[in-house]
C-alpha atoms as a PDB file:
ATOM      1  CA  UNK A   1      96.750  95.610  91.964  1.00  0.00           C
ATOM      2  CA  UNK A   2      94.513  97.887  93.904  1.00  0.00           C
ATOM      3  CA  UNK A   3      90.771  98.428  93.044  1.00  0.00           C
ATOM      4  CA  UNK A   4      90.107 101.716  91.411  1.00  0.00           C
ATOM      5  CA  UNK A   5      86.744 103.365  92.320  1.00  0.00           C
ATOM      6  CA  UNK A   6      84.842 106.364  91.102  1.00  0.00           C
ATOM      7  CA  UNK A   7      81.994 106.935  93.365  1.00  0.00           C
ATOM      8  CA  UNK A   8      79.128 109.402  92.732  1.00  0.00           C
ATOM      9  CA  UNK A   9      77.633 111.031  95.975  1.00  0.00           C
ATOM     10  CA  UNK A  10      74.310 112.628  94.801  1.00  0.00           C
ATOM     11  CA  UNK A  11      73.855 114.090  98.311  1.00  0.00           C
ATOM     12  CA  UNK A  12      70.301 115.574  98.717  1.00  0.00           C
ATOM     13  CA  UNK A  13      69.413 116.076  95.056  1.00  0.00           C
ATOM     14  CA  UNK A  14      66.895 114.637  92.563  1.00  0.00           C
ATOM     15  CA  UNK A  15      63.377 113.543  93.529  1.00  0.00           C
ATOM     16  CA  UNK A  16      62.527 109.905  92.995  1.00  0.00           C
ATOM     17  CA  UNK A  17      61.667 109.954  89.266  1.00  0.00           C
ATOM     18  CA  UNK A  18      64.531 112.195  88.449  1.00  0.00           C
ATOM     19  CA  UNK A  19      66.839 109.984  90.271  1.00  0.00           C
ATOM     20  CA  UNK A  20      65.630 106.926  88.537  1.00  0.00           C
ATOM     21  CA  UNK A  21      65.810 108.545  85.045  1.00  0.00           C
ATOM     22  CA  UNK A  22      69.499 109.634  85.852  1.00  0.00           C
ATOM     23  CA  UNK A  23      70.503 106.248  87.016  1.00  0.00           C
ATOM     24  CA  UNK A  24      68.965 104.610  83.925  1.00  0.00           C
ATOM     25  CA  UNK A  25      71.084 107.044  81.816  1.00  0.00           C
ATOM     26  CA  UNK A  26      74.264 106.373  83.564  1.00  0.00           C
ATOM     27  CA  UNK A  27      73.671 102.544  83.573  1.00  0.00           C
ATOM     28  CA  UNK A  28      72.899 102.603  79.795  1.00  0.00           C
ATOM     29  CA  UNK A  29      75.963 104.596  78.994  1.00  0.00           C
ATOM     30  CA  UNK A  30      78.441 102.152  80.726  1.00  0.00           C
ATOM     31  CA  UNK A  31      76.488  99.146  79.353  1.00  0.00           C
ATOM     32  CA  UNK A  32      77.291 100.199  75.895  1.00  0.00           C
ATOM     33  CA  UNK A  33      80.938 100.849  76.599  1.00  0.00           C
ATOM     34  CA  UNK A  34      83.783  98.549  77.345  1.00  0.00           C
ATOM     35  CA  UNK A  35      84.112  97.815  80.896  1.00  0.00           C
ATOM     36  CA  UNK A  36      85.798 100.882  82.727  1.00  0.00           C
ATOM     37  CA  UNK A  37      89.015 100.502  84.621  1.00  0.00           C
ATOM     38  CA  UNK A  38      87.481 101.815  87.658  1.00  0.00           C
ATOM     39  CA  UNK A  39      84.511 100.351  89.573  1.00  0.00           C
ATOM     40  CA  UNK A  40      81.671 102.978  89.129  1.00  0.00           C
ATOM     41  CA  UNK A  41      79.406 103.475  92.089  1.00  0.00           C
ATOM     42  CA  UNK A  42      76.198 105.457  92.446  1.00  0.00           C
ATOM     43  CA  UNK A  43      75.610 106.724  96.022  1.00  0.00           C
ATOM     44  CA  UNK A  44      72.053 107.744  96.199  1.00  0.00           C
ATOM     45  CA  UNK A  45      69.603 109.187  98.962  1.00  0.00           C
ATOM     46  CA  UNK A  46      67.603 106.261 100.554  1.00  0.00           C
ATOM     47  CA  UNK A  47      64.504 106.846  98.550  1.00  0.00           C
ATOM     48  CA  UNK A  48      66.341 105.910  95.356  1.00  0.00           C
ATOM     49  CA  UNK A  49      68.046 102.731  96.447  1.00  0.00           C
ATOM     50  CA  UNK A  50      65.508 100.097  95.605  1.00  0.00           C
ATOM     51  CA  UNK A  51      64.730 101.443  92.217  1.00  0.00           C
ATOM     52  CA  UNK A  52      68.234 102.212  91.371  1.00  0.00           C
ATOM     53  CA  UNK A  53      69.165  98.581  92.437  1.00  0.00           C
ATOM     54  CA  UNK A  54      66.695  97.283  90.038  1.00  0.00           C
ATOM     55  CA  UNK A  55      67.900  99.441  87.162  1.00  0.00           C
ATOM     56  CA  UNK A  56      71.595  98.729  87.412  1.00  0.00           C
ATOM     57  CA  UNK A  57      71.173  94.903  87.963  1.00  0.00           C
ATOM     58  CA  UNK A  58      73.320  92.694  85.955  1.00  0.00           C
ATOM     59  CA  UNK A  59      75.157  95.962  84.751  1.00  0.00           C
ATOM     60  CA  UNK A  60      78.571  97.522  85.310  1.00  0.00           C
ATOM     61  CA  UNK A  61      77.303 100.082  88.014  1.00  0.00           C
ATOM     62  CA  UNK A  62      77.194  99.327  91.743  1.00  0.00           C
ATOM     63  CA  UNK A  63      75.062 100.933  94.456  1.00  0.00           C
ATOM     64  CA  UNK A  64      75.659 102.667  97.740  1.00  0.00           C
ATOM     65  CA  UNK A  65      73.877 104.614 100.276  1.00  0.00           C
ATOM     66  CA  UNK A  66      75.098 107.986 101.986  1.00  0.00           C
ATOM     67  CA  UNK A  67      74.801 107.016 105.598  1.00  0.00           C
ATOM     68  CA  UNK A  68      73.302 104.532 108.032  1.00  0.00           C
ATOM     69  CA  UNK A  69      72.073 104.468 111.687  1.00  0.00           C
ATOM     70  CA  UNK A  70      74.103 103.821 114.475  1.00  0.00           C
ATOM     71  CA  UNK A  71      71.774 101.089 115.770  1.00  0.00           C
ATOM     72  CA  UNK A  72      70.782  97.755 114.270  1.00  0.00           C
ATOM     73  CA  UNK A  73      66.884  98.263 114.633  1.00  0.00           C
ATOM     74  CA  UNK A  74      64.363  99.612 117.136  1.00  0.00           C
ATOM     75  CA  UNK A  75      62.466 102.749 118.153  1.00  0.00           C
ATOM     76  CA  UNK A  76      64.597 105.222 116.243  1.00  0.00           C
ATOM     77  CA  UNK A  77      62.330 107.333 114.077  1.00  0.00           C
ATOM     78  CA  UNK A  78      63.553 108.534 110.849  1.00  0.00           C
ATOM     79  CA  UNK A  79      66.610 106.312 110.815  1.00  0.00           C
ATOM     80  CA  UNK A  80      67.656 103.774 108.264  1.00  0.00           C
ATOM     81  CA  UNK A  81      69.642 100.666 109.377  1.00  0.00           C
ATOM     82  CA  UNK A  82      72.525  99.005 107.635  1.00  0.00           C
ATOM     83  CA  UNK A  83      70.193  95.877 107.323  1.00  0.00           C
ATOM     84  CA  UNK A  84      67.729  97.980 105.583  1.00  0.00           C
ATOM     85  CA  UNK A  85      70.246  99.319 103.089  1.00  0.00           C
ATOM     86  CA  UNK A  86      71.683  95.850 102.523  1.00  0.00           C
ATOM     87  CA  UNK A  87      68.054  94.638 101.770  1.00  0.00           C
ATOM     88  CA  UNK A  88      67.734  97.128  98.899  1.00  0.00           C
ATOM     89  CA  UNK A  89      70.622  95.489  96.910  1.00  0.00           C
ATOM     90  CA  UNK A  90      73.242  98.082  97.841  1.00  0.00           C
ATOM     91  CA  UNK A  91      76.816  96.939  98.296  1.00  0.00           C
ATOM     92  CA  UNK A  92      78.293 100.047  99.726  1.00  0.00           C
ATOM     93  CA  UNK A  93      77.592 102.945 102.463  1.00  0.00           C
ATOM     94  CA  UNK A  94      79.383 106.281 102.851  1.00  0.00           C
ATOM     95  CA  UNK A  95      80.339 106.825 106.673  1.00  0.00           C
ATOM     96  CA  UNK A  96      81.800 109.916 108.070  1.00  0.00           C
ATOM     97  CA  UNK A  97      81.185 112.401 105.312  1.00  0.00           C
ATOM     98  CA  UNK A  98      82.320 115.900 106.204  1.00  0.00           C
ATOM     99  CA  UNK A  99      78.790 117.086 106.153  1.00  0.00           C
ATOM    100  CA  UNK A 100      77.671 114.357 108.380  1.00  0.00           C
ATOM    101  CA  UNK A 101      80.581 115.345 110.812  1.00  0.00           C
ATOM    102  CA  UNK A 102      79.957 119.044 110.362  1.00  0.00           C
ATOM    103  CA  UNK A 103      76.009 119.430 110.337  1.00  0.00           C
ATOM    104  CA  UNK A 104      74.915 116.660 112.407  1.00  0.00           C
ATOM    105  CA  UNK A 105      77.914 116.460 114.645  1.00  0.00           C
ATOM    106  CA  UNK A 106      78.823 112.958 114.159  1.00  0.00           C
ATOM    107  CA  UNK A 107      82.076 112.158 116.017  1.00  0.00           C
ATOM    108  CA  UNK A 108      84.621 109.425 115.508  1.00  0.00           C
ATOM    109  CA  UNK A 109      83.148 107.122 118.170  1.00  0.00           C
ATOM    110  CA  UNK A 110      79.636 107.226 116.614  1.00  0.00           C
ATOM    111  CA  UNK A 111      81.251 106.717 113.001  1.00  0.00           C
ATOM    112  CA  UNK A 112      83.178 103.799 114.452  1.00  0.00           C
ATOM    113  CA  UNK A 113      80.034 102.256 115.770  1.00  0.00           C
ATOM    114  CA  UNK A 114      78.197 102.835 112.220  1.00  0.00           C
ATOM    115  CA  UNK A 115      81.164 101.264 110.536  1.00  0.00           C
ATOM    116  CA  UNK A 116      81.176  97.969 112.572  1.00  0.00           C
ATOM    117  CA  UNK A 117      77.455  97.623 111.975  1.00  0.00           C
ATOM    118  CA  UNK A 118      77.763  98.072 108.394  1.00  0.00           C
ATOM    119  CA  UNK A 119      80.620  95.721 107.785  1.00  0.00           C
ATOM    120  CA  UNK A 120      78.902  93.324 110.105  1.00  0.00           C
ATOM    121  CA  UNK A 121      75.837  93.487 107.775  1.00  0.00           C
ATOM    122  CA  UNK A 122      77.889  92.845 104.723  1.00  0.00           C
ATOM    123  CA  UNK A 123      78.175  96.331 103.359  1.00  0.00           C
ATOM    124  CA  UNK A 124      81.628  97.650 102.328  1.00  0.00           C
ATOM    125  CA  UNK A 125      82.274 101.030 103.788  1.00  0.00           C
ATOM    126  CA  UNK A 126      83.644 104.253 102.037  1.00  0.00           C
ATOM    127  CA  UNK A 127      85.104 105.799 105.248  1.00  0.00           C
ATOM    128  CA  UNK A 128      85.630 109.559 104.933  1.00  0.00           C
ATOM    129  CA  UNK A 129      88.482 111.733 106.559  1.00  0.00           C
ATOM    130  CA  UNK A 130      89.504 115.273 106.056  1.00  0.00           C
ATOM    131  CA  UNK A 131      90.517 118.586 107.584  1.00  0.00           C
ATOM    132  CA  UNK A 132      88.930 121.921 107.490  1.00  0.00           C
ATOM    133  CA  UNK A 133      90.763 124.987 106.039  1.00  0.00           C
ATOM    134  CA  UNK A 134      91.696 126.407 109.553  1.00  0.00           C
ATOM    135  CA  UNK A 135      93.163 122.895 110.355  1.00  0.00           C
ATOM    136  CA  UNK A 136      95.419 122.953 107.262  1.00  0.00           C
ATOM    137  CA  UNK A 137      96.544 126.535 107.548  1.00  0.00           C
ATOM    138  CA  UNK A 138      97.599 125.788 111.135  1.00  0.00           C
ATOM    139  CA  UNK A 139      99.357 122.761 109.743  1.00  0.00           C
ATOM    140  CA  UNK A 140      97.299 120.334 111.828  1.00  0.00           C
ATOM    141  CA  UNK A 141      95.818 118.482 108.952  1.00  0.00           C
ATOM    142  CA  UNK A 142      98.116 115.415 109.453  1.00  0.00           C
ATOM    143  CA  UNK A 143      97.231 115.182 113.229  1.00  0.00           C
ATOM    144  CA  UNK A 144      93.488 115.509 112.341  1.00  0.00           C
ATOM    145  CA  UNK A 145      93.464 112.758 109.796  1.00  0.00           C
ATOM    146  CA  UNK A 146      95.394 110.377 112.063  1.00  0.00           C
ATOM    147  CA  UNK A 147      92.921 110.998 114.853  1.00  0.00           C
ATOM    148  CA  UNK A 148      89.971 110.437 112.588  1.00  0.00           C
ATOM    149  CA  UNK A 149      91.322 107.275 111.308  1.00  0.00           C
ATOM    150  CA  UNK A 150      92.714 105.776 114.669  1.00  0.00           C
ATOM    151  CA  UNK A 151      89.554 106.422 116.527  1.00  0.00           C
ATOM    152  CA  UNK A 152      86.792 105.942 113.781  1.00  0.00           C
ATOM    153  CA  UNK A 153      88.390 103.063 111.830  1.00  0.00           C
ATOM    154  CA  UNK A 154      91.467 101.402 113.235  1.00  0.00           C
ATOM    155  CA  UNK A 155      89.655  99.479 116.095  1.00  0.00           C
ATOM    156  CA  UNK A 156      88.410  97.192 113.340  1.00  0.00           C
ATOM    157  CA  UNK A 157      90.137  93.756 113.113  1.00  0.00           C
ATOM    158  CA  UNK A 158      92.439  93.191 110.202  1.00  0.00           C
ATOM    159  CA  UNK A 159      90.243  90.820 108.403  1.00  0.00           C
ATOM    160  CA  UNK A 160      87.556  93.469 108.210  1.00  0.00           C
ATOM    161  CA  UNK A 161      89.595  95.965 106.454  1.00  0.00           C
ATOM    162  CA  UNK A 162      88.956  94.264 103.023  1.00  0.00           C
ATOM    163  CA  UNK A 163      85.497  95.787 103.416  1.00  0.00           C
ATOM    164  CA  UNK A 164      86.934  99.376 103.715  1.00  0.00           C
ATOM    165  CA  UNK A 165      87.642 102.101 101.136  1.00  0.00           C
ATOM    166  CA  UNK A 166      89.072 105.330 102.622  1.00  0.00           C
ATOM    167  CA  UNK A 167      88.052 108.608 101.134  1.00  0.00           C
ATOM    168  CA  UNK A 168      90.089 111.751 101.910  1.00  0.00           C
ATOM    169  CA  UNK A 169      88.200 114.910 101.471  1.00  0.00           C
ATOM    170  CA  UNK A 170      89.691 118.116 102.255  1.00  0.00           C
ATOM    171  CA  UNK A 171      86.732 119.933 103.564  1.00  0.00           C
ATOM    172  CA  UNK A 172      88.156 123.325 102.311  1.00  0.00           C
ATOM    173  CA  UNK A 173      87.702 121.929  98.754  1.00  0.00           C
ATOM    174  CA  UNK A 174      84.073 120.683  98.970  1.00  0.00           C
ATOM    175  CA  UNK A 175      81.635 122.651  97.142  1.00  0.00           C
ATOM    176  CA  UNK A 176      84.074 125.702  97.179  1.00  0.00           C
ATOM    177  CA  UNK A 177      85.582 125.475  93.668  1.00  0.00           C
ATOM    178  CA  UNK A 178      88.958 124.886  95.259  1.00  0.00           C
ATOM    179  CA  UNK A 179      90.949 121.593  94.830  1.00  0.00           C
ATOM    180  CA  UNK A 180      93.747 120.241  96.435  1.00  0.00           C
ATOM    181  CA  UNK A 181      96.712 120.173  94.063  1.00  0.00           C
ATOM    182  CA  UNK A 182      97.673 116.614  92.772  1.00  0.00           C
ATOM    183  CA  UNK A 183     100.759 116.988  94.967  1.00  0.00           C
ATOM    184  CA  UNK A 184      98.746 117.784  98.042  1.00  0.00           C
ATOM    185  CA  UNK A 185      96.344 114.937  97.278  1.00  0.00           C
ATOM    186  CA  UNK A 186      99.274 112.608  96.828  1.00  0.00           C
ATOM    187  CA  UNK A 187     100.971 113.632  99.899  1.00  0.00           C
ATOM    188  CA  UNK A 188      97.991 113.019 102.102  1.00  0.00           C
ATOM    189  CA  UNK A 189      97.113 109.806 100.430  1.00  0.00           C
ATOM    190  CA  UNK A 190     100.610 108.638 100.929  1.00  0.00           C
ATOM    191  CA  UNK A 191     100.453 109.675 104.475  1.00  0.00           C
ATOM    192  CA  UNK A 192      97.084 107.659 105.017  1.00  0.00           C
ATOM    193  CA  UNK A 193      98.498 104.667 103.304  1.00  0.00           C
ATOM    194  CA  UNK A 194     101.510 104.785 105.800  1.00  0.00           C
ATOM    195  CA  UNK A 195      99.080 104.838 108.827  1.00  0.00           C
ATOM    196  CA  UNK A 196      97.338 101.825 107.452  1.00  0.00           C
ATOM    197  CA  UNK A 197     100.593 100.106 107.051  1.00  0.00           C
ATOM    198  CA  UNK A 198     101.673 100.967 110.662  1.00  0.00           C
ATOM    199  CA  UNK A 199      98.505  99.563 112.030  1.00  0.00           C
ATOM    200  CA  UNK A 200      97.797  96.552 109.747  1.00  0.00           C
ATOM    201  CA  UNK A 201     100.944  95.774 107.770  1.00  0.00           C
ATOM    202  CA  UNK A 202     102.208  96.346 104.346  1.00  0.00           C
ATOM    203  CA  UNK A 203      99.830  94.027 102.471  1.00  0.00           C
ATOM    204  CA  UNK A 204      96.840  95.658 103.798  1.00  0.00           C
ATOM    205  CA  UNK A 205      98.265  99.015 103.059  1.00  0.00           C
ATOM    206  CA  UNK A 206      99.007  98.100  99.398  1.00  0.00           C
ATOM    207  CA  UNK A 207      95.582  96.554  98.802  1.00  0.00           C
ATOM    208  CA  UNK A 208      93.726  99.726 100.451  1.00  0.00           C
ATOM    209  CA  UNK A 209      91.755 101.771  97.919  1.00  0.00           C
ATOM    210  CA  UNK A 210      92.119 105.428  98.924  1.00  0.00           C
ATOM    211  CA  UNK A 211      89.759 107.969  97.077  1.00  0.00           C
ATOM    212  CA  UNK A 212      90.220 111.710  96.781  1.00  0.00           C
ATOM    213  CA  UNK A 213      87.022 113.817  97.267  1.00  0.00           C
ATOM    214  CA  UNK A 214      87.005 117.518  96.891  1.00  0.00           C
ATOM    215  CA  UNK A 215      85.983 119.288  93.598  1.00  0.00           C
ATOM    216  CA  UNK A 216      87.126 116.470  91.326  1.00  0.00           C
ATOM    217  CA  UNK A 217      86.003 117.189  87.884  1.00  0.00           C
ATOM    218  CA  UNK A 218      86.822 116.115  84.263  1.00  0.00           C
ATOM    219  CA  UNK A 219      89.463 118.713  83.946  1.00  0.00           C
ATOM    220  CA  UNK A 220      91.708 117.668  86.870  1.00  0.00           C
ATOM    221  CA  UNK A 221      90.541 113.952  87.199  1.00  0.00           C
ATOM    222  CA  UNK A 222      93.351 112.337  85.124  1.00  0.00           C
ATOM    223  CA  UNK A 223      95.977 114.312  86.848  1.00  0.00           C
ATOM    224  CA  UNK A 224      94.715 113.478  90.290  1.00  0.00           C
ATOM    225  CA  UNK A 225      94.365 109.795  89.235  1.00  0.00           C
ATOM    226  CA  UNK A 226      97.809 109.621  87.887  1.00  0.00           C
ATOM    227  CA  UNK A 227      99.489 110.010  91.508  1.00  0.00           C
ATOM    228  CA  UNK A 228     100.550 106.588  92.766  1.00  0.00           C
ATOM    229  CA  UNK A 229      98.336 106.605  95.923  1.00  0.00           C
ATOM    230  CA  UNK A 230      95.256 108.072  94.443  1.00  0.00           C
ATOM    231  CA  UNK A 231      92.991 105.295  93.395  1.00  0.00           C
ATOM    232  CA  UNK A 232      89.849 107.164  92.321  1.00  0.00           C
ATOM    233  CA  UNK A 233      87.404 109.734  93.477  1.00  0.00           C
ATOM    234  CA  UNK A 234      84.323 110.273  95.583  1.00  0.00           C
ATOM    235  CA  UNK A 235      82.651 112.642  93.407  1.00  0.00           C
ATOM    236  CA  UNK A 236      79.793 115.344  94.718  1.00  0.00           C
ATOM    237  CA  UNK A 237      78.715 117.871  92.125  1.00  0.00           C
ATOM    238  CA  UNK A 238      80.062 116.510  88.936  1.00  0.00           C
ATOM    239  CA  UNK A 239      78.306 113.082  89.644  1.00  0.00           C
ATOM    240  CA  UNK A 240      74.901 114.873  88.717  1.00  0.00           C
ATOM    241  CA  UNK A 241      75.852 115.347  85.170  1.00  0.00           C
ATOM    242  CA  UNK A 242      76.157 112.261  83.263  1.00  0.00           C
ATOM    243  CA  UNK A 243      78.797 113.457  80.801  1.00  0.00           C
ATOM    244  CA  UNK A 244      80.964 114.858  83.663  1.00  0.00           C
ATOM    245  CA  UNK A 245      80.626 111.736  85.715  1.00  0.00           C
ATOM    246  CA  UNK A 246      81.301 109.437  82.925  1.00  0.00           C
ATOM    247  CA  UNK A 247      84.399 111.434  81.928  1.00  0.00           C
ATOM    248  CA  UNK A 248      85.664 111.207  85.404  1.00  0.00           C
ATOM    249  CA  UNK A 249      85.248 107.512  85.432  1.00  0.00           C
ATOM    250  CA  UNK A 250      87.197 107.047  82.327  1.00  0.00           C
ATOM    251  CA  UNK A 251      89.948 109.379  83.287  1.00  0.00           C
ATOM    252  CA  UNK A 252      92.097 106.282  84.167  1.00  0.00           C
END
């Protein structure tokens, strides 16, 4: 059975003390509940990683970073390497989020380099892909997703794919209030699983966790997650409210 995951992406929100307090409240919530059916991950800014790692130790919540450097170490001022992230106790890193692609012009070749570095460091990668509104309106969304996966991810050997979670994020639905319909999400997740099957075989495709990211909230999570190829969510704004995030995690 495929692993179900709900990952909260805090983006650039909360100062250190606010973040630690919030992580403490989330950790306590899940410690007091039966184990959720989905793995719960907090993907925090770099400054929170070490502190949150200590807070959630031996609990039911995992830890991830939102990005990593494309180099292992060296004279790269302001960058944070995969090894540094791993040393904080984090298990995951998000790579290829649409905001990194758009605002910082990270292309598939660079994201492939980051992915390889992260995996070789022992981090699991939440690899994001998604189309913008214009690309969907032009009917190019399938082409875009195929290119992003082929160039950014599918150079990996088959044994490395067990370290990968794919997150489909329709860029037109991030922070806009728009959401892909459950049918649109299922169509794309099914297509992505088919691409994985083509490249790596049926077993790998069936085991691949594919998340939906794009204005997922308590009111639509259960319906989205009911689709056969939607294995959870990469949650943005709703992950900053404990009640909303918890409700999404329990939507299974």
